[in-house]
Amino acid sequence: MLSLPELQARIAATLFGDAAAPPPGCIRSDGIAAELRLGIYRNNLEEGFAKTLALEFPVMQRLVGEDYFRQLALSFLAGHPSRSGDLHQVGAPFASFLREQFADTA
Protein backbone atom coordinates (compact mmCIF):
# COMPACT_ATOMS: atom_id res chain seq x y z
CA MET A 1 0.00 0.00 0.00
CA LEU A 2 1.26 3.45 -0.87
CA SER A 3 1.82 6.08 1.78
CA LEU A 4 -0.34 9.21 1.51
CA PRO A 5 2.48 11.35 0.02
CA GLU A 6 3.27 8.59 -2.50
CA LEU A 7 -0.40 8.28 -3.46
CA GLN A 8 -0.72 12.06 -3.84
CA ALA A 9 2.38 12.14 -6.04
CA ARG A 10 1.04 9.30 -8.21
CA ILE A 11 -2.33 11.00 -8.60
CA ALA A 12 -0.65 14.29 -9.54
CA ALA A 13 1.59 12.49 -12.04
CA THR A 14 -1.46 10.77 -13.50
CA LEU A 15 -3.34 14.05 -13.85
CA PHE A 16 -0.41 15.60 -15.71
CA GLY A 17 -0.07 12.51 -17.92
CA ASP A 18 3.31 11.49 -16.50
CA ALA A 19 2.31 8.13 -15.04
CA ALA A 20 -0.23 5.37 -15.01
CA ALA A 21 -3.13 5.49 -12.58
CA PRO A 22 -2.45 4.55 -8.95
CA PRO A 23 -2.80 0.86 -8.13
CA PRO A 24 -6.31 -0.59 -7.98
CA GLY A 25 -7.98 -0.12 -4.62
CA CYS A 26 -6.36 3.25 -3.93
CA ILE A 27 -9.28 5.12 -5.46
CA ARG A 28 -12.78 3.96 -4.66
CA SER A 29 -14.98 3.29 -7.68
CA ASP A 30 -18.32 3.99 -5.99
CA GLY A 31 -20.18 3.61 -9.28
CA ILE A 32 -17.54 5.29 -11.47
CA ALA A 33 -14.32 3.50 -12.42
CA ALA A 34 -11.14 4.99 -10.93
CA GLU A 35 -9.75 5.78 -14.41
CA LEU A 36 -12.91 7.73 -15.26
CA ARG A 37 -12.76 9.61 -11.96
CA LEU A 38 -9.18 10.63 -12.68
CA GLY A 39 -10.23 11.59 -16.20
CA ILE A 40 -12.78 14.00 -14.74
CA TYR A 41 -10.11 15.63 -12.60
CA ARG A 42 -7.69 15.77 -15.56
CA ASN A 43 -10.34 17.44 -17.71
CA ASN A 44 -11.13 19.97 -14.97
CA LEU A 45 -7.42 20.67 -14.53
CA GLU A 46 -6.91 21.25 -18.26
CA GLU A 47 -10.03 23.36 -18.74
CA GLY A 48 -9.37 25.46 -15.66
CA PHE A 49 -5.79 26.05 -16.77
CA ALA A 50 -6.82 26.99 -20.33
CA LYS A 51 -9.54 29.34 -19.08
CA THR A 52 -7.16 30.97 -16.62
CA LEU A 53 -4.65 31.64 -19.40
CA ALA A 54 -7.45 32.99 -21.60
CA LEU A 55 -8.38 35.44 -18.84
CA GLU A 56 -4.76 36.53 -18.51
CA PHE A 57 -4.13 36.74 -22.26
CA PRO A 58 -7.46 37.69 -23.89
CA VAL A 59 -5.85 39.51 -26.83
CA MET A 60 -3.70 36.50 -27.66
CA GLN A 61 -6.76 34.27 -27.57
CA ARG A 62 -8.64 36.60 -29.93
CA LEU A 63 -5.67 36.77 -32.30
CA VAL A 64 -5.21 33.01 -32.66
CA GLY A 65 -8.77 31.82 -31.98
CA GLU A 66 -10.19 29.80 -29.10
CA ASP A 67 -9.34 26.35 -30.46
CA TYR A 68 -5.70 27.12 -31.22
CA PHE A 69 -5.31 29.00 -27.95
CA ARG A 70 -6.59 25.94 -26.08
CA GLN A 71 -3.99 23.80 -27.87
CA LEU A 72 -1.28 26.29 -26.90
CA ALA A 73 -2.53 26.32 -23.31
CA LEU A 74 -2.43 22.52 -23.05
CA SER A 75 1.02 22.42 -24.59
CA PHE A 76 2.12 25.08 -22.11
CA LEU A 77 0.55 23.11 -19.25
CA ALA A 78 2.50 19.99 -20.26
CA GLY A 79 5.79 21.85 -20.02
CA HIS A 80 4.94 24.32 -17.25
CA PRO A 81 2.49 22.73 -14.80
CA SER A 82 1.48 25.03 -12.00
CA ARG A 83 3.04 24.09 -8.69
CA SER A 84 0.75 26.41 -6.77
CA GLY A 85 -2.91 26.50 -5.91
CA ASP A 86 -2.85 30.21 -6.73
CA LEU A 87 -3.97 30.71 -10.33
CA HIS A 88 -2.76 34.32 -10.41
CA GLN A 89 0.77 33.24 -11.38
CA VAL A 90 -0.11 30.51 -13.86
CA GLY A 91 0.67 32.59 -16.93
CA ALA A 92 3.92 34.17 -15.72
CA PRO A 93 6.15 32.07 -18.04
CA PHE A 94 3.62 32.05 -20.93
CA ALA A 95 5.28 34.87 -22.93
CA SER A 96 8.63 33.04 -22.80
CA PHE A 97 6.91 29.84 -23.85
CA LEU A 98 5.36 31.61 -26.84
CA ARG A 99 8.72 33.12 -27.86
CA GLU A 100 10.31 29.66 -27.77
CA GLN A 101 7.33 28.12 -29.57
CA PHE A 102 7.41 30.59 -32.45
CA ALA A 103 11.13 31.46 -32.60
CA ASP A 104 11.59 29.57 -35.87
CA THR A 105 8.58 31.14 -37.55
CA ALA A 106 9.69 34.76 -37.09
PDB file of N, CA and C in Angstrom:
ATOM      1  N   MET A   1       0.851  -1.191   0.000  1.00  0.00           N
ATOM      2  CA  MET A   1       0.000   0.000   0.000  1.00  0.00           C
ATOM      3  C   MET A   1       0.889   1.244   0.000  1.00  0.00           C
ATOM      4  N   LEU A   2       0.498   2.209  -0.784  1.00  0.00           N
ATOM      5  CA  LEU A   2       1.260   3.451  -0.872  1.00  0.00           C
ATOM      6  C   LEU A   2       1.000   4.333   0.345  1.00  0.00           C
ATOM      7  N   SER A   3       2.021   5.093   0.728  1.00  0.00           N
ATOM      8  CA  SER A   3       1.818   6.084   1.776  1.00  0.00           C
ATOM      9  C   SER A   3       1.010   7.232   1.168  1.00  0.00           C
ATOM     10  N   LEU A   4       0.452   8.081   2.008  1.00  0.00           N
ATOM     11  CA  LEU A   4      -0.342   9.211   1.508  1.00  0.00           C
ATOM     12  C   LEU A   4       0.476  10.111   0.578  1.00  0.00           C
ATOM     13  N   PRO A   5       1.703  10.516   0.943  1.00  0.00           N
ATOM     14  CA  PRO A   5       2.484  11.352   0.016  1.00  0.00           C
ATOM     15  C   PRO A   5       2.779  10.647  -1.311  1.00  0.00           C
ATOM     16  N   GLU A   6       3.026   9.344  -1.265  1.00  0.00           N
ATOM     17  CA  GLU A   6       3.272   8.590  -2.501  1.00  0.00           C
ATOM     18  C   GLU A   6       2.011   8.545  -3.363  1.00  0.00           C
ATOM     19  N   LEU A   7       0.870   8.317  -2.732  1.00  0.00           N
ATOM     20  CA  LEU A   7      -0.402   8.284  -3.456  1.00  0.00           C
ATOM     21  C   LEU A   7      -0.700   9.646  -4.080  1.00  0.00           C
ATOM     22  N   GLN A   8      -0.489  10.711  -3.317  1.00  0.00           N
ATOM     23  CA  GLN A   8      -0.723  12.057  -3.844  1.00  0.00           C
ATOM     24  C   GLN A   8       0.194  12.347  -5.031  1.00  0.00           C
ATOM     25  N   ALA A   9       1.443  11.935  -4.935  1.00  0.00           N
ATOM     26  CA  ALA A   9       2.385  12.144  -6.036  1.00  0.00           C
ATOM     27  C   ALA A   9       1.966  11.353  -7.268  1.00  0.00           C
ATOM     28  N   ARG A  10       1.500  10.122  -7.076  1.00  0.00           N
ATOM     29  CA  ARG A  10       1.044   9.297  -8.206  1.00  0.00           C
ATOM     30  C   ARG A  10      -0.196   9.895  -8.852  1.00  0.00           C
ATOM     31  N   ILE A  11      -1.120  10.388  -8.038  1.00  0.00           N
ATOM     32  CA  ILE A  11      -2.327  10.999  -8.595  1.00  0.00           C
ATOM     33  C   ILE A  11      -1.957  12.251  -9.387  1.00  0.00           C
ATOM     34  N   ALA A  12      -1.091  13.080  -8.828  1.00  0.00           N
ATOM     35  CA  ALA A  12      -0.655  14.288  -9.537  1.00  0.00           C
ATOM     36  C   ALA A  12       0.031  13.923 -10.848  1.00  0.00           C
ATOM     37  N   ALA A  13       0.907  12.926 -10.817  1.00  0.00           N
ATOM     38  CA  ALA A  13       1.591  12.495 -12.039  1.00  0.00           C
ATOM     39  C   ALA A  13       0.594  11.970 -13.062  1.00  0.00           C
ATOM     40  N   THR A  14      -0.431  11.280 -12.601  1.00  0.00           N
ATOM     41  CA  THR A  14      -1.464  10.774 -13.500  1.00  0.00           C
ATOM     42  C   THR A  14      -2.250  11.919 -14.120  1.00  0.00           C
ATOM     43  N   LEU A  15      -2.578  12.910 -13.329  1.00  0.00           N
ATOM     44  CA  LEU A  15      -3.338  14.051 -13.846  1.00  0.00           C
ATOM     45  C   LEU A  15      -2.555  14.813 -14.908  1.00  0.00           C
ATOM     46  N   PHE A  16      -1.241  14.890 -14.745  1.00  0.00           N
ATOM     47  CA  PHE A  16      -0.410  15.598 -15.710  1.00  0.00           C
ATOM     48  C   PHE A  16       0.079  14.679 -16.827  1.00  0.00           C
ATOM     49  N   GLY A  17      -0.401  13.429 -16.839  1.00  0.00           N
ATOM     50  CA  GLY A  17      -0.068  12.513 -17.917  1.00  0.00           C
ATOM     51  C   GLY A  17       1.320  11.913 -17.827  1.00  0.00           C
ATOM     52  N   ASP A  18       1.940  11.986 -16.656  1.00  0.00           N
ATOM     53  CA  ASP A  18       3.305  11.487 -16.505  1.00  0.00           C
ATOM     54  C   ASP A  18       3.374  10.042 -16.009  1.00  0.00           C
ATOM     55  N   ALA A  19       2.268   9.475 -15.615  1.00  0.00           N
ATOM     56  CA  ALA A  19       2.311   8.128 -15.039  1.00  0.00           C
ATOM     57  C   ALA A  19       0.958   7.449 -15.196  1.00  0.00           C
ATOM     58  N   ALA A  20       1.000   6.147 -15.010  1.00  0.00           N
ATOM     59  CA  ALA A  20      -0.234   5.373 -15.012  1.00  0.00           C
ATOM     60  C   ALA A  20      -1.013   5.663 -13.737  1.00  0.00           C
ATOM     61  N   ALA A  21      -2.268   5.281 -13.745  1.00  0.00           N
ATOM     62  CA  ALA A  21      -3.125   5.486 -12.576  1.00  0.00           C
ATOM     63  C   ALA A  21      -2.558   4.753 -11.362  1.00  0.00           C
ATOM     64  N   PRO A  22      -2.867   5.255 -10.168  1.00  0.00           N
ATOM     65  CA  PRO A  22      -2.448   4.553  -8.951  1.00  0.00           C
ATOM     66  C   PRO A  22      -2.989   3.122  -8.943  1.00  0.00           C
ATOM     67  N   PRO A  23      -2.374   2.259  -8.158  1.00  0.00           N
ATOM     68  CA  PRO A  23      -2.800   0.862  -8.129  1.00  0.00           C
ATOM     69  C   PRO A  23      -4.283   0.712  -7.778  1.00  0.00           C
ATOM     70  N   PRO A  24      -4.907  -0.346  -8.303  1.00  0.00           N
ATOM     71  CA  PRO A  24      -6.313  -0.593  -7.976  1.00  0.00           C
ATOM     72  C   PRO A  24      -6.518  -0.635  -6.468  1.00  0.00           C
ATOM     73  N   GLY A  25      -7.641  -0.127  -6.038  1.00  0.00           N
ATOM     74  CA  GLY A  25      -7.975  -0.117  -4.622  1.00  0.00           C
ATOM     75  C   GLY A  25      -7.594   1.178  -3.925  1.00  0.00           C
ATOM     76  N   CYS A  26      -6.754   1.984  -4.541  1.00  0.00           N
ATOM     77  CA  CYS A  26      -6.360   3.252  -3.927  1.00  0.00           C
ATOM     78  C   CYS A  26      -7.424   4.332  -4.133  1.00  0.00           C
ATOM     79  N   ILE A  27      -8.196   4.181  -5.188  1.00  0.00           N
ATOM     80  CA  ILE A  27      -9.284   5.124  -5.464  1.00  0.00           C
ATOM     81  C   ILE A  27     -10.564   4.314  -5.537  1.00  0.00           C
ATOM     82  N   ARG A  28     -11.520   4.676  -4.727  1.00  0.00           N
ATOM     83  CA  ARG A  28     -12.782   3.960  -4.665  1.00  0.00           C
ATOM     84  C   ARG A  28     -13.598   4.203  -5.922  1.00  0.00           C
ATOM     85  N   SER A  29     -14.157   3.158  -6.487  1.00  0.00           N
ATOM     86  CA  SER A  29     -14.980   3.295  -7.681  1.00  0.00           C
ATOM     87  C   SER A  29     -16.313   3.962  -7.355  1.00  0.00           C
ATOM     88  N   ASP A  30     -17.047   3.407  -6.424  1.00  0.00           N
ATOM     89  CA  ASP A  30     -18.318   3.986  -5.994  1.00  0.00           C
ATOM     90  C   ASP A  30     -19.217   4.344  -7.173  1.00  0.00           C
ATOM     91  N   GLY A  31     -19.308   3.410  -8.133  1.00  0.00           N
ATOM     92  CA  GLY A  31     -20.183   3.612  -9.283  1.00  0.00           C
ATOM     93  C   GLY A  31     -19.488   4.176 -10.506  1.00  0.00           C
ATOM     94  N   ILE A  32     -18.314   4.759 -10.347  1.00  0.00           N
ATOM     95  CA  ILE A  32     -17.540   5.288 -11.471  1.00  0.00           C
ATOM     96  C   ILE A  32     -16.136   4.712 -11.360  1.00  0.00           C
ATOM     97  N   ALA A  33     -15.654   4.114 -12.429  1.00  0.00           N
ATOM     98  CA  ALA A  33     -14.321   3.504 -12.416  1.00  0.00           C
ATOM     99  C   ALA A  33     -13.259   4.547 -12.054  1.00  0.00           C
ATOM    100  N   ALA A  34     -12.213   4.095 -11.381  1.00  0.00           N
ATOM    101  CA  ALA A  34     -11.143   4.990 -10.932  1.00  0.00           C
ATOM    102  C   ALA A  34     -10.539   5.761 -12.099  1.00  0.00           C
ATOM    103  N   GLU A  35     -10.333   5.105 -13.248  1.00  0.00           N
ATOM    104  CA  GLU A  35      -9.747   5.778 -14.410  1.00  0.00           C
ATOM    105  C   GLU A  35     -10.649   6.914 -14.885  1.00  0.00           C
ATOM    106  N   LEU A  36     -11.966   6.688 -14.849  1.00  0.00           N
ATOM    107  CA  LEU A  36     -12.908   7.734 -15.262  1.00  0.00           C
ATOM    108  C   LEU A  36     -12.919   8.884 -14.260  1.00  0.00           C
ATOM    109  N   ARG A  37     -12.828   8.554 -12.983  1.00  0.00           N
ATOM    110  CA  ARG A  37     -12.764   9.610 -11.964  1.00  0.00           C
ATOM    111  C   ARG A  37     -11.535  10.494 -12.180  1.00  0.00           C
ATOM    112  N   LEU A  38     -10.396   9.863 -12.423  1.00  0.00           N
ATOM    113  CA  LEU A  38      -9.178  10.627 -12.677  1.00  0.00           C
ATOM    114  C   LEU A  38      -9.303  11.425 -13.975  1.00  0.00           C
ATOM    115  N   GLY A  39      -9.997  10.866 -14.952  1.00  0.00           N
ATOM    116  CA  GLY A  39     -10.231  11.589 -16.205  1.00  0.00           C
ATOM    117  C   GLY A  39     -11.036  12.863 -15.986  1.00  0.00           C
ATOM    118  N   ILE A  40     -11.989  12.805 -15.081  1.00  0.00           N
ATOM    119  CA  ILE A  40     -12.784  13.996 -14.744  1.00  0.00           C
ATOM    120  C   ILE A  40     -11.884  15.063 -14.139  1.00  0.00           C
ATOM    121  N   TYR A  41     -11.034  14.668 -13.216  1.00  0.00           N
ATOM    122  CA  TYR A  41     -10.107  15.625 -12.596  1.00  0.00           C
ATOM    123  C   TYR A  41      -9.134  16.190 -13.635  1.00  0.00           C
ATOM    124  N   ARG A  42      -8.624  15.307 -14.530  1.00  0.00           N
ATOM    125  CA  ARG A  42      -7.692  15.766 -15.561  1.00  0.00           C
ATOM    126  C   ARG A  42      -8.373  16.786 -16.464  1.00  0.00           C
ATOM    127  N   ASN A  43      -9.595  16.508 -16.866  1.00  0.00           N
ATOM    128  CA  ASN A  43     -10.343  17.438 -17.713  1.00  0.00           C
ATOM    129  C   ASN A  43     -10.554  18.770 -16.996  1.00  0.00           C
ATOM    130  N   ASN A  44     -10.941  18.733 -15.730  1.00  0.00           N
ATOM    131  CA  ASN A  44     -11.134  19.970 -14.967  1.00  0.00           C
ATOM    132  C   ASN A  44      -9.832  20.749 -14.839  1.00  0.00           C
ATOM    133  N   LEU A  45      -8.734  20.037 -14.622  1.00  0.00           N
ATOM    134  CA  LEU A  45      -7.422  20.673 -14.529  1.00  0.00           C
ATOM    135  C   LEU A  45      -7.084  21.383 -15.839  1.00  0.00           C
ATOM    136  N   GLU A  46      -7.243  20.674 -16.958  1.00  0.00           N
ATOM    137  CA  GLU A  46      -6.909  21.247 -18.256  1.00  0.00           C
ATOM    138  C   GLU A  46      -7.808  22.426 -18.610  1.00  0.00           C
ATOM    139  N   GLU A  47      -9.097  22.276 -18.398  1.00  0.00           N
ATOM    140  CA  GLU A  47     -10.027  23.356 -18.743  1.00  0.00           C
ATOM    141  C   GLU A  47      -9.821  24.577 -17.854  1.00  0.00           C
ATOM    142  N   GLY A  48      -9.621  24.349 -16.567  1.00  0.00           N
ATOM    143  CA  GLY A  48      -9.371  25.464 -15.660  1.00  0.00           C
ATOM    144  C   GLY A  48      -8.096  26.205 -16.025  1.00  0.00           C
ATOM    145  N   PHE A  49      -7.067  25.449 -16.384  1.00  0.00           N
ATOM    146  CA  PHE A  49      -5.794  26.045 -16.774  1.00  0.00           C
ATOM    147  C   PHE A  49      -5.960  26.867 -18.048  1.00  0.00           C
ATOM    148  N   ALA A  50      -6.621  26.290 -19.054  1.00  0.00           N
ATOM    149  CA  ALA A  50      -6.821  26.993 -20.325  1.00  0.00           C
ATOM    150  C   ALA A  50      -7.664  28.255 -20.130  1.00  0.00           C
ATOM    151  N   LYS A  51      -8.694  28.167 -19.325  1.00  0.00           N
ATOM    152  CA  LYS A  51      -9.544  29.341 -19.076  1.00  0.00           C
ATOM    153  C   LYS A  51      -8.793  30.423 -18.296  1.00  0.00           C
ATOM    154  N   THR A  52      -7.951  30.005 -17.369  1.00  0.00           N
ATOM    155  CA  THR A  52      -7.159  30.974 -16.620  1.00  0.00           C
ATOM    156  C   THR A  52      -6.211  31.714 -17.553  1.00  0.00           C
ATOM    157  N   LEU A  53      -5.542  30.986 -18.437  1.00  0.00           N
ATOM    158  CA  LEU A  53      -4.653  31.642 -19.401  1.00  0.00           C
ATOM    159  C   LEU A  53      -5.435  32.569 -20.325  1.00  0.00           C
ATOM    160  N   ALA A  54      -6.622  32.148 -20.731  1.00  0.00           N
ATOM    161  CA  ALA A  54      -7.445  32.992 -21.603  1.00  0.00           C
ATOM    162  C   ALA A  54      -7.825  34.285 -20.897  1.00  0.00           C
ATOM    163  N   LEU A  55      -8.071  34.225 -19.596  1.00  0.00           N
ATOM    164  CA  LEU A  55      -8.383  35.441 -18.841  1.00  0.00           C
ATOM    165  C   LEU A  55      -7.156  36.348 -18.713  1.00  0.00           C
ATOM    166  N   GLU A  56      -5.982  35.740 -18.633  1.00  0.00           N
ATOM    167  CA  GLU A  56      -4.756  36.527 -18.507  1.00  0.00           C
ATOM    168  C   GLU A  56      -4.263  37.063 -19.846  1.00  0.00           C
ATOM    169  N   PHE A  57      -4.609  36.375 -20.932  1.00  0.00           N
ATOM    170  CA  PHE A  57      -4.125  36.745 -22.263  1.00  0.00           C
ATOM    171  C   PHE A  57      -5.291  36.804 -23.262  1.00  0.00           C
ATOM    172  N   PRO A  58      -6.276  37.662 -23.016  1.00  0.00           N
ATOM    173  CA  PRO A  58      -7.456  37.694 -23.886  1.00  0.00           C
ATOM    174  C   PRO A  58      -7.138  38.145 -25.313  1.00  0.00           C
ATOM    175  N   VAL A  59      -6.187  39.042 -25.483  1.00  0.00           N
ATOM    176  CA  VAL A  59      -5.851  39.513 -26.828  1.00  0.00           C
ATOM    177  C   VAL A  59      -5.210  38.382 -27.624  1.00  0.00           C
ATOM    178  N   MET A  60      -4.333  37.644 -26.996  1.00  0.00           N
ATOM    179  CA  MET A  60      -3.695  36.504 -27.656  1.00  0.00           C
ATOM    180  C   MET A  60      -4.747  35.488 -28.095  1.00  0.00           C
ATOM    181  N   GLN A  61      -5.709  35.231 -27.228  1.00  0.00           N
ATOM    182  CA  GLN A  61      -6.757  34.272 -27.569  1.00  0.00           C
ATOM    183  C   GLN A  61      -7.569  34.764 -28.763  1.00  0.00           C
ATOM    184  N   ARG A  62      -7.878  36.054 -28.787  1.00  0.00           N
ATOM    185  CA  ARG A  62      -8.635  36.598 -29.931  1.00  0.00           C
ATOM    186  C   ARG A  62      -7.820  36.546 -31.216  1.00  0.00           C
ATOM    187  N   LEU A  63      -6.520  36.773 -31.108  1.00  0.00           N
ATOM    188  CA  LEU A  63      -5.671  36.767 -32.301  1.00  0.00           C
ATOM    189  C   LEU A  63      -5.564  35.383 -32.941  1.00  0.00           C
ATOM    190  N   VAL A  64      -5.424  34.351 -32.114  1.00  0.00           N
ATOM    191  CA  VAL A  64      -5.210  33.007 -32.661  1.00  0.00           C
ATOM    192  C   VAL A  64      -6.474  32.159 -32.698  1.00  0.00           C
ATOM    193  N   GLY A  65      -7.526  32.590 -32.023  1.00  0.00           N
ATOM    194  CA  GLY A  65      -8.766  31.822 -31.976  1.00  0.00           C
ATOM    195  C   GLY A  65      -8.805  30.901 -30.764  1.00  0.00           C
ATOM    196  N   GLU A  66     -10.014  30.597 -30.325  1.00  0.00           N
ATOM    197  CA  GLU A  66     -10.193  29.796 -29.104  1.00  0.00           C
ATOM    198  C   GLU A  66      -9.595  28.403 -29.207  1.00  0.00           C
ATOM    199  N   ASP A  67      -9.820  27.725 -30.337  1.00  0.00           N
ATOM    200  CA  ASP A  67      -9.336  26.348 -30.461  1.00  0.00           C
ATOM    201  C   ASP A  67      -7.816  26.274 -30.427  1.00  0.00           C
ATOM    202  N   TYR A  68      -7.157  27.148 -31.192  1.00  0.00           N
ATOM    203  CA  TYR A  68      -5.699  27.119 -31.220  1.00  0.00           C
ATOM    204  C   TYR A  68      -5.127  27.575 -29.879  1.00  0.00           C
ATOM    205  N   PHE A  69      -5.769  28.548 -29.262  1.00  0.00           N
ATOM    206  CA  PHE A  69      -5.306  29.005 -27.949  1.00  0.00           C
ATOM    207  C   PHE A  69      -5.385  27.863 -26.944  1.00  0.00           C
ATOM    208  N   ARG A  70      -6.453  27.090 -26.992  1.00  0.00           N
ATOM    209  CA  ARG A  70      -6.585  25.943 -26.082  1.00  0.00           C
ATOM    210  C   ARG A  70      -5.453  24.947 -26.311  1.00  0.00           C
ATOM    211  N   GLN A  71      -5.107  24.694 -27.575  1.00  0.00           N
ATOM    212  CA  GLN A  71      -3.986  23.799 -27.873  1.00  0.00           C
ATOM    213  C   GLN A  71      -2.682  24.353 -27.299  1.00  0.00           C
ATOM    214  N   LEU A  72      -2.464  25.656 -27.471  1.00  0.00           N
ATOM    215  CA  LEU A  72      -1.277  26.291 -26.897  1.00  0.00           C
ATOM    216  C   LEU A  72      -1.270  26.159 -25.373  1.00  0.00           C
ATOM    217  N   ALA A  73      -2.428  26.392 -24.762  1.00  0.00           N
ATOM    218  CA  ALA A  73      -2.534  26.316 -23.305  1.00  0.00           C
ATOM    219  C   ALA A  73      -2.202  24.915 -22.807  1.00  0.00           C
ATOM    220  N   LEU A  74      -2.699  23.885 -23.488  1.00  0.00           N
ATOM    221  CA  LEU A  74      -2.433  22.515 -23.045  1.00  0.00           C
ATOM    222  C   LEU A  74      -0.973  22.141 -23.277  1.00  0.00           C
ATOM    223  N   SER A  75      -0.396  22.639 -24.348  1.00  0.00           N
ATOM    224  CA  SER A  75       1.024  22.421 -24.589  1.00  0.00           C
ATOM    225  C   SER A  75       1.855  23.119 -23.512  1.00  0.00           C
ATOM    226  N   PHE A  76       1.452  24.329 -23.175  1.00  0.00           N
ATOM    227  CA  PHE A  76       2.119  25.083 -22.107  1.00  0.00           C
ATOM    228  C   PHE A  76       1.977  24.351 -20.774  1.00  0.00           C
ATOM    229  N   LEU A  77       0.792  23.845 -20.487  1.00  0.00           N
ATOM    230  CA  LEU A  77       0.554  23.108 -19.248  1.00  0.00           C
ATOM    231  C   LEU A  77       1.464  21.892 -19.149  1.00  0.00           C
ATOM    232  N   ALA A  78       1.652  21.187 -20.269  1.00  0.00           N
ATOM    233  CA  ALA A  78       2.499  19.992 -20.261  1.00  0.00           C
ATOM    234  C   ALA A  78       3.936  20.330 -19.876  1.00  0.00           C
ATOM    235  N   GLY A  79       4.422  21.474 -20.313  1.00  0.00           N
ATOM    236  CA  GLY A  79       5.795  21.851 -20.017  1.00  0.00           C
ATOM    237  C   GLY A  79       5.968  22.730 -18.800  1.00  0.00           C
ATOM    238  N   HIS A  80       4.873  23.369 -18.368  1.00  0.00           N
ATOM    239  CA  HIS A  80       4.942  24.316 -17.246  1.00  0.00           C
ATOM    240  C   HIS A  80       3.764  24.119 -16.287  1.00  0.00           C
ATOM    241  N   PRO A  81       3.620  22.924 -15.720  1.00  0.00           N
ATOM    242  CA  PRO A  81       2.490  22.725 -14.800  1.00  0.00           C
ATOM    243  C   PRO A  81       2.605  23.633 -13.586  1.00  0.00           C
ATOM    244  N   SER A  82       1.489  24.158 -13.172  1.00  0.00           N
ATOM    245  CA  SER A  82       1.484  25.030 -11.997  1.00  0.00           C
ATOM    246  C   SER A  82       1.830  24.216 -10.765  1.00  0.00           C
ATOM    247  N   ARG A  83       2.663  24.751  -9.940  1.00  0.00           N
ATOM    248  CA  ARG A  83       3.039  24.086  -8.686  1.00  0.00           C
ATOM    249  C   ARG A  83       2.368  24.770  -7.501  1.00  0.00           C
ATOM    250  N   SER A  84       1.411  25.640  -7.811  1.00  0.00           N
ATOM    251  CA  SER A  84       0.750  26.411  -6.771  1.00  0.00           C
ATOM    252  C   SER A  84      -0.761  26.304  -6.935  1.00  0.00           C
ATOM    253  N   GLY A  85      -1.460  26.443  -5.852  1.00  0.00           N
ATOM    254  CA  GLY A  85      -2.914  26.496  -5.913  1.00  0.00           C
ATOM    255  C   GLY A  85      -3.414  27.876  -6.305  1.00  0.00           C
ATOM    256  N   ASP A  86      -2.517  28.835  -6.379  1.00  0.00           N
ATOM    257  CA  ASP A  86      -2.852  30.212  -6.731  1.00  0.00           C
ATOM    258  C   ASP A  86      -2.787  30.374  -8.239  1.00  0.00           C
ATOM    259  N   LEU A  87      -3.923  30.587  -8.878  1.00  0.00           N
ATOM    260  CA  LEU A  87      -3.969  30.709 -10.327  1.00  0.00           C
ATOM    261  C   LEU A  87      -3.458  32.043 -10.849  1.00  0.00           C
ATOM    262  N   HIS A  88      -3.196  32.992  -9.969  1.00  0.00           N
ATOM    263  CA  HIS A  88      -2.758  34.315 -10.410  1.00  0.00           C
ATOM    264  C   HIS A  88      -1.397  34.293 -11.101  1.00  0.00           C
ATOM    265  N   GLN A  89      -0.571  33.302 -10.804  1.00  0.00           N
ATOM    266  CA  GLN A  89       0.772  33.244 -11.376  1.00  0.00           C
ATOM    267  C   GLN A  89       0.924  32.216 -12.490  1.00  0.00           C
ATOM    268  N   VAL A  90      -0.164  31.574 -12.873  1.00  0.00           N
ATOM    269  CA  VAL A  90      -0.112  30.505 -13.864  1.00  0.00           C
ATOM    270  C   VAL A  90       0.538  30.959 -15.169  1.00  0.00           C
ATOM    271  N   GLY A  91       0.196  32.138 -15.631  1.00  0.00           N
ATOM    272  CA  GLY A  91       0.673  32.594 -16.931  1.00  0.00           C
ATOM    273  C   GLY A  91       1.987  33.328 -16.921  1.00  0.00           C
ATOM    274  N   ALA A  92       2.666  33.408 -15.789  1.00  0.00           N
ATOM    275  CA  ALA A  92       3.916  34.173 -15.716  1.00  0.00           C
ATOM    276  C   ALA A  92       4.928  33.751 -16.782  1.00  0.00           C
ATOM    277  N   PRO A  93       5.168  32.446 -17.014  1.00  0.00           N
ATOM    278  CA  PRO A  93       6.147  32.069 -18.045  1.00  0.00           C
ATOM    279  C   PRO A  93       5.545  31.896 -19.448  1.00  0.00           C
ATOM    280  N   PHE A  94       4.291  32.290 -19.649  1.00  0.00           N
ATOM    281  CA  PHE A  94       3.625  32.047 -20.931  1.00  0.00           C
ATOM    282  C   PHE A  94       4.277  32.820 -22.080  1.00  0.00           C
ATOM    283  N   ALA A  95       4.658  34.068 -21.858  1.00  0.00           N
ATOM    284  CA  ALA A  95       5.280  34.865 -22.925  1.00  0.00           C
ATOM    285  C   ALA A  95       6.591  34.215 -23.377  1.00  0.00           C
ATOM    286  N   SER A  96       7.387  33.739 -22.446  1.00  0.00           N
ATOM    287  CA  SER A  96       8.633  33.045 -22.799  1.00  0.00           C
ATOM    288  C   SER A  96       8.343  31.771 -23.581  1.00  0.00           C
ATOM    289  N   PHE A  97       7.322  31.055 -23.154  1.00  0.00           N
ATOM    290  CA  PHE A  97       6.909  29.837 -23.854  1.00  0.00           C
ATOM    291  C   PHE A  97       6.531  30.161 -25.296  1.00  0.00           C
ATOM    292  N   LEU A  98       5.772  31.229 -25.495  1.00  0.00           N
ATOM    293  CA  LEU A  98       5.356  31.608 -26.845  1.00  0.00           C
ATOM    294  C   LEU A  98       6.549  32.016 -27.695  1.00  0.00           C
ATOM    295  N   ARG A  99       7.494  32.742 -27.120  1.00  0.00           N
ATOM    296  CA  ARG A  99       8.718  33.120 -27.859  1.00  0.00           C
ATOM    297  C   ARG A  99       9.465  31.876 -28.320  1.00  0.00           C
ATOM    298  N   GLU A 100       9.615  30.920 -27.421  1.00  0.00           N
ATOM    299  CA  GLU A 100      10.306  29.665 -27.774  1.00  0.00           C
ATOM    300  C   GLU A 100       9.518  28.898 -28.838  1.00  0.00           C
ATOM    301  N   GLN A 101       8.207  28.869 -28.668  1.00  0.00           N
ATOM    302  CA  GLN A 101       7.331  28.118 -29.568  1.00  0.00           C
ATOM    303  C   GLN A 101       7.399  28.650 -30.998  1.00  0.00           C
ATOM    304  N   PHE A 102       7.496  29.972 -31.124  1.00  0.00           N
ATOM    305  CA  PHE A 102       7.412  30.590 -32.446  1.00  0.00           C
ATOM    306  C   PHE A 102       8.722  31.227 -32.898  1.00  0.00           C
ATOM    307  N   ALA A 103       9.829  30.878 -32.257  1.00  0.00           N
ATOM    308  CA  ALA A 103      11.128  31.464 -32.597  1.00  0.00           C
ATOM    309  C   ALA A 103      11.519  31.152 -34.042  1.00  0.00           C
ATOM    310  N   ASP A 104      11.213  29.975 -34.520  1.00  0.00           N
ATOM    311  CA  ASP A 104      11.591  29.567 -35.873  1.00  0.00           C
ATOM    312  C   ASP A 104      10.707  30.175 -36.947  1.00  0.00           C
ATOM    313  N   THR A 105       9.514  30.620 -36.553  1.00  0.00           N
ATOM    314  CA  THR A 105       8.578  31.141 -37.553  1.00  0.00           C
ATOM    315  C   THR A 105       8.729  32.644 -37.780  1.00  0.00           C
ATOM    316  N   ALA A 106       9.538  33.310 -36.967  1.00  0.00           N
ATOM    317  CA  ALA A 106       9.693  34.757 -37.093  1.00  0.00           C
ATOM    318  C   ALA A 106      10.656  35.135 -38.187  1.00  0.00           C
TER     319      ALA A 106
END
